[in-house]
Amino acid sequence: MVKTTITLEDSLYRRLVKEALDRYGRTRSLSRLINEKLRSAEMLPKESAGDIERSFGCWAMKDKGARYVRKMRLQSEERLKRMSL
């Protein structure tokens, strides 16, 4: 084990303290809670650069400006008509 000092935002610190109290009943278990969270974050699958590159641009808008707004309004009106509203 290594002892270290970190600087946390106040809101994050309060949430961690509350969770430590809820789980373990004391704030001295804050290190334990942080270690558990870091371990579980390490287990998450990492996105590869290739995944990010493939998804880049997927959400590009084909219509822009006034044309896009007209299209969205028309689609909305059609939905409302189908729903009889």
N, C-alpha and C. Protein backbone atom coordinates (compact mmCIF):
# COMPACT_ATOMS: atom_id res chain seq x y z
N MET A 1 0.85 -1.18 0.00
CA MET A 1 0.00 0.00 0.00
C MET A 1 0.88 1.23 0.00
N VAL A 2 0.39 2.25 -0.69
CA VAL A 2 1.09 3.53 -0.77
C VAL A 2 0.14 4.61 -0.29
N LYS A 3 0.66 5.51 0.49
CA LYS A 3 -0.14 6.63 0.96
C LYS A 3 0.12 7.82 0.06
N THR A 4 -0.95 8.49 -0.37
CA THR A 4 -0.80 9.64 -1.25
C THR A 4 -1.83 10.70 -0.88
N THR A 5 -1.65 11.88 -1.40
CA THR A 5 -2.58 12.98 -1.17
C THR A 5 -3.15 13.41 -2.51
N ILE A 6 -4.46 13.57 -2.56
CA ILE A 6 -5.11 14.05 -3.77
C ILE A 6 -6.00 15.24 -3.42
N THR A 7 -6.26 16.07 -4.39
CA THR A 7 -7.14 17.21 -4.20
C THR A 7 -8.45 16.92 -4.92
N LEU A 8 -9.55 16.95 -4.17
CA LEU A 8 -10.87 16.66 -4.72
C LEU A 8 -11.72 17.92 -4.70
N GLU A 9 -12.64 18.00 -5.65
CA GLU A 9 -13.63 19.06 -5.62
C GLU A 9 -14.51 18.84 -4.40
N ASP A 10 -15.01 19.92 -3.82
CA ASP A 10 -15.82 19.80 -2.60
C ASP A 10 -17.03 18.90 -2.80
N SER A 11 -17.73 19.07 -3.92
CA SER A 11 -18.94 18.28 -4.16
C SER A 11 -18.60 16.79 -4.30
N LEU A 12 -17.50 16.48 -4.97
CA LEU A 12 -17.09 15.09 -5.12
C LEU A 12 -16.71 14.50 -3.76
N TYR A 13 -15.99 15.26 -2.96
CA TYR A 13 -15.60 14.80 -1.64
C TYR A 13 -16.83 14.49 -0.79
N ARG A 14 -17.83 15.40 -0.82
CA ARG A 14 -19.05 15.18 -0.03
C ARG A 14 -19.78 13.91 -0.47
N ARG A 15 -19.85 13.68 -1.79
CA ARG A 15 -20.52 12.48 -2.29
C ARG A 15 -19.78 11.22 -1.85
N LEU A 16 -18.44 11.25 -1.91
CA LEU A 16 -17.66 10.09 -1.50
C LEU A 16 -17.81 9.82 0.00
N VAL A 17 -17.78 10.87 0.79
CA VAL A 17 -17.95 10.71 2.24
C VAL A 17 -19.32 10.14 2.55
N LYS A 18 -20.36 10.66 1.89
CA LYS A 18 -21.72 10.14 2.11
C LYS A 18 -21.80 8.67 1.74
N GLU A 19 -21.20 8.30 0.61
CA GLU A 19 -21.25 6.90 0.19
C GLU A 19 -20.47 6.01 1.16
N ALA A 20 -19.33 6.49 1.64
CA ALA A 20 -18.55 5.71 2.62
C ALA A 20 -19.35 5.52 3.90
N LEU A 21 -20.04 6.57 4.34
CA LEU A 21 -20.87 6.44 5.54
C LEU A 21 -22.02 5.47 5.32
N ASP A 22 -22.66 5.56 4.14
CA ASP A 22 -23.78 4.67 3.85
C ASP A 22 -23.33 3.21 3.78
N ARG A 23 -22.19 2.96 3.15
CA ARG A 23 -21.72 1.58 2.97
C ARG A 23 -21.07 1.00 4.21
N TYR A 24 -20.19 1.79 4.82
CA TYR A 24 -19.34 1.24 5.88
C TYR A 24 -19.57 1.86 7.25
N GLY A 25 -20.38 2.90 7.32
CA GLY A 25 -20.70 3.49 8.60
C GLY A 25 -19.66 4.42 9.19
N ARG A 26 -18.60 4.70 8.44
CA ARG A 26 -17.57 5.62 8.94
C ARG A 26 -16.77 6.21 7.78
N THR A 27 -16.24 7.39 8.03
CA THR A 27 -15.49 8.07 6.96
C THR A 27 -14.08 7.53 6.83
N ARG A 28 -13.62 6.79 7.82
CA ARG A 28 -12.26 6.24 7.74
C ARG A 28 -12.15 5.19 6.63
N SER A 29 -13.28 4.77 6.10
CA SER A 29 -13.29 3.81 4.99
C SER A 29 -13.27 4.50 3.63
N LEU A 30 -13.00 5.79 3.62
CA LEU A 30 -12.97 6.54 2.38
C LEU A 30 -11.92 5.99 1.41
N SER A 31 -10.75 5.65 1.91
CA SER A 31 -9.70 5.07 1.07
C SER A 31 -10.16 3.75 0.46
N ARG A 32 -10.82 2.95 1.27
CA ARG A 32 -11.33 1.66 0.79
C ARG A 32 -12.32 1.87 -0.36
N LEU A 33 -13.23 2.83 -0.19
CA LEU A 33 -14.22 3.13 -1.21
C LEU A 33 -13.54 3.62 -2.49
N ILE A 34 -12.59 4.51 -2.37
CA ILE A 34 -11.89 5.04 -3.55
C ILE A 34 -11.12 3.93 -4.25
N ASN A 35 -10.46 3.04 -3.50
CA ASN A 35 -9.76 1.91 -4.11
C ASN A 35 -10.72 1.01 -4.87
N GLU A 36 -11.90 0.74 -4.30
CA GLU A 36 -12.89 -0.09 -4.98
C GLU A 36 -13.35 0.56 -6.28
N LYS A 37 -13.60 1.86 -6.23
CA LYS A 37 -14.05 2.58 -7.44
C LYS A 37 -12.96 2.58 -8.51
N LEU A 38 -11.72 2.76 -8.12
CA LEU A 38 -10.62 2.75 -9.10
C LEU A 38 -10.45 1.36 -9.70
N ARG A 39 -10.55 0.31 -8.87
CA ARG A 39 -10.44 -1.05 -9.39
C ARG A 39 -11.55 -1.36 -10.39
N SER A 40 -12.77 -0.96 -10.06
CA SER A 40 -13.89 -1.24 -10.97
C SER A 40 -13.76 -0.42 -12.25
N ALA A 41 -13.20 0.78 -12.18
CA ALA A 41 -12.99 1.59 -13.38
C ALA A 41 -11.93 0.96 -14.28
N GLU A 42 -10.94 0.30 -13.69
CA GLU A 42 -9.91 -0.37 -14.48
C GLU A 42 -10.48 -1.55 -15.26
N MET A 43 -11.53 -2.16 -14.73
CA MET A 43 -12.12 -3.34 -15.37
C MET A 43 -12.97 -3.00 -16.58
N LEU A 44 -13.39 -1.73 -16.70
CA LEU A 44 -14.24 -1.34 -17.82
C LEU A 44 -13.47 -1.45 -19.12
N PRO A 45 -14.15 -1.88 -20.20
CA PRO A 45 -13.45 -1.97 -21.49
C PRO A 45 -13.06 -0.57 -21.97
N LYS A 46 -11.88 -0.48 -22.49
CA LYS A 46 -11.38 0.80 -23.00
C LYS A 46 -11.70 0.90 -24.48
N GLU A 47 -12.09 2.09 -24.90
CA GLU A 47 -12.32 2.30 -26.33
C GLU A 47 -10.98 2.46 -27.01
N SER A 48 -10.83 1.77 -28.11
CA SER A 48 -9.59 1.91 -28.85
C SER A 48 -9.67 3.14 -29.74
N ALA A 49 -8.53 3.61 -30.18
CA ALA A 49 -8.50 4.76 -31.08
C ALA A 49 -9.28 4.45 -32.35
N GLY A 50 -9.23 3.20 -32.80
CA GLY A 50 -9.97 2.80 -33.99
C GLY A 50 -11.47 2.93 -33.81
N ASP A 51 -11.97 2.57 -32.62
CA ASP A 51 -13.40 2.70 -32.35
C ASP A 51 -13.82 4.16 -32.43
N ILE A 52 -13.01 5.01 -31.85
CA ILE A 52 -13.33 6.44 -31.86
C ILE A 52 -13.28 6.99 -33.27
N GLU A 53 -12.27 6.61 -34.04
CA GLU A 53 -12.16 7.09 -35.42
C GLU A 53 -13.34 6.63 -36.26
N ARG A 54 -13.78 5.39 -36.07
CA ARG A 54 -14.91 4.87 -36.85
C ARG A 54 -16.20 5.60 -36.51
N SER A 55 -16.36 6.00 -35.25
CA SER A 55 -17.60 6.66 -34.86
C SER A 55 -17.57 8.16 -35.15
N PHE A 56 -16.42 8.72 -35.41
CA PHE A 56 -16.31 10.15 -35.66
C PHE A 56 -17.10 10.53 -36.90
N GLY A 57 -17.95 11.49 -36.77
CA GLY A 57 -18.73 11.96 -37.90
C GLY A 57 -20.04 11.23 -38.10
N CYS A 58 -20.34 10.23 -37.27
CA CYS A 58 -21.59 9.48 -37.43
C CYS A 58 -22.80 10.37 -37.26
N TRP A 59 -22.66 11.41 -36.45
CA TRP A 59 -23.80 12.25 -36.13
C TRP A 59 -23.81 13.54 -36.95
N ALA A 60 -23.07 13.58 -38.02
CA ALA A 60 -23.03 14.79 -38.84
C ALA A 60 -24.43 15.08 -39.39
N MET A 61 -24.80 16.32 -39.33
CA MET A 61 -26.11 16.72 -39.83
C MET A 61 -26.01 16.96 -41.33
N LYS A 62 -26.94 16.39 -42.07
CA LYS A 62 -26.93 16.58 -43.51
C LYS A 62 -27.58 17.90 -43.89
N ASP A 63 -28.63 18.29 -43.15
CA ASP A 63 -29.29 19.57 -43.39
C ASP A 63 -28.83 20.55 -42.33
N LYS A 64 -28.75 21.80 -42.71
CA LYS A 64 -28.30 22.82 -41.77
C LYS A 64 -29.26 24.00 -41.78
N GLY A 65 -29.24 24.73 -40.69
CA GLY A 65 -29.96 25.98 -40.62
C GLY A 65 -31.46 25.85 -40.81
N ALA A 66 -32.00 26.77 -41.62
CA ALA A 66 -33.45 26.87 -41.81
C ALA A 66 -34.02 25.59 -42.41
N ARG A 67 -33.29 24.94 -43.31
CA ARG A 67 -33.78 23.71 -43.93
C ARG A 67 -33.98 22.63 -42.86
N TYR A 68 -33.02 22.51 -41.94
CA TYR A 68 -33.11 21.52 -40.87
C TYR A 68 -34.32 21.81 -39.98
N VAL A 69 -34.52 23.08 -39.62
CA VAL A 69 -35.64 23.45 -38.76
C VAL A 69 -36.96 23.14 -39.44
N ARG A 70 -37.09 23.48 -40.72
CA ARG A 70 -38.32 23.18 -41.45
C ARG A 70 -38.59 21.68 -41.46
N LYS A 71 -37.54 20.90 -41.70
CA LYS A 71 -37.69 19.45 -41.75
C LYS A 71 -38.15 18.90 -40.39
N MET A 72 -37.56 19.37 -39.31
CA MET A 72 -37.93 18.92 -37.97
C MET A 72 -39.37 19.30 -37.65
N ARG A 73 -39.77 20.52 -38.00
CA ARG A 73 -41.13 20.96 -37.74
C ARG A 73 -42.14 20.13 -38.54
N LEU A 74 -41.82 19.85 -39.79
CA LEU A 74 -42.70 19.05 -40.62
C LEU A 74 -42.87 17.65 -40.03
N GLN A 75 -41.76 17.04 -39.62
CA GLN A 75 -41.83 15.71 -39.01
C GLN A 75 -42.64 15.73 -37.73
N SER A 76 -42.48 16.79 -36.95
CA SER A 76 -43.22 16.92 -35.70
C SER A 76 -44.71 17.05 -35.98
N GLU A 77 -45.06 17.87 -36.97
CA GLU A 77 -46.47 18.04 -37.33
C GLU A 77 -47.06 16.72 -37.81
N GLU A 78 -46.32 15.97 -38.59
CA GLU A 78 -46.80 14.67 -39.08
C GLU A 78 -47.04 13.71 -37.93
N ARG A 79 -46.13 13.69 -36.96
CA ARG A 79 -46.32 12.82 -35.78
C ARG A 79 -47.57 13.22 -35.01
N LEU A 80 -47.75 14.52 -34.82
CA LEU A 80 -48.92 14.99 -34.07
C LEU A 80 -50.22 14.62 -34.80
N LYS A 81 -50.21 14.70 -36.13
CA LYS A 81 -51.40 14.31 -36.91
C LYS A 81 -51.69 12.83 -36.72
N ARG A 82 -50.63 12.01 -36.77
CA ARG A 82 -50.82 10.55 -36.59
C ARG A 82 -51.36 10.22 -35.22
N MET A 83 -50.96 11.02 -34.24
CA MET A 83 -51.41 10.78 -32.86
C MET A 83 -52.75 11.47 -32.58
N SER A 84 -53.29 12.16 -33.59
CA SER A 84 -54.57 12.88 -33.47
C SER A 84 -54.52 13.95 -32.41
N LEU A 85 -53.44 14.72 -32.37
CA LEU A 85 -53.32 15.82 -31.41
C LEU A 85 -53.35 17.14 -32.11
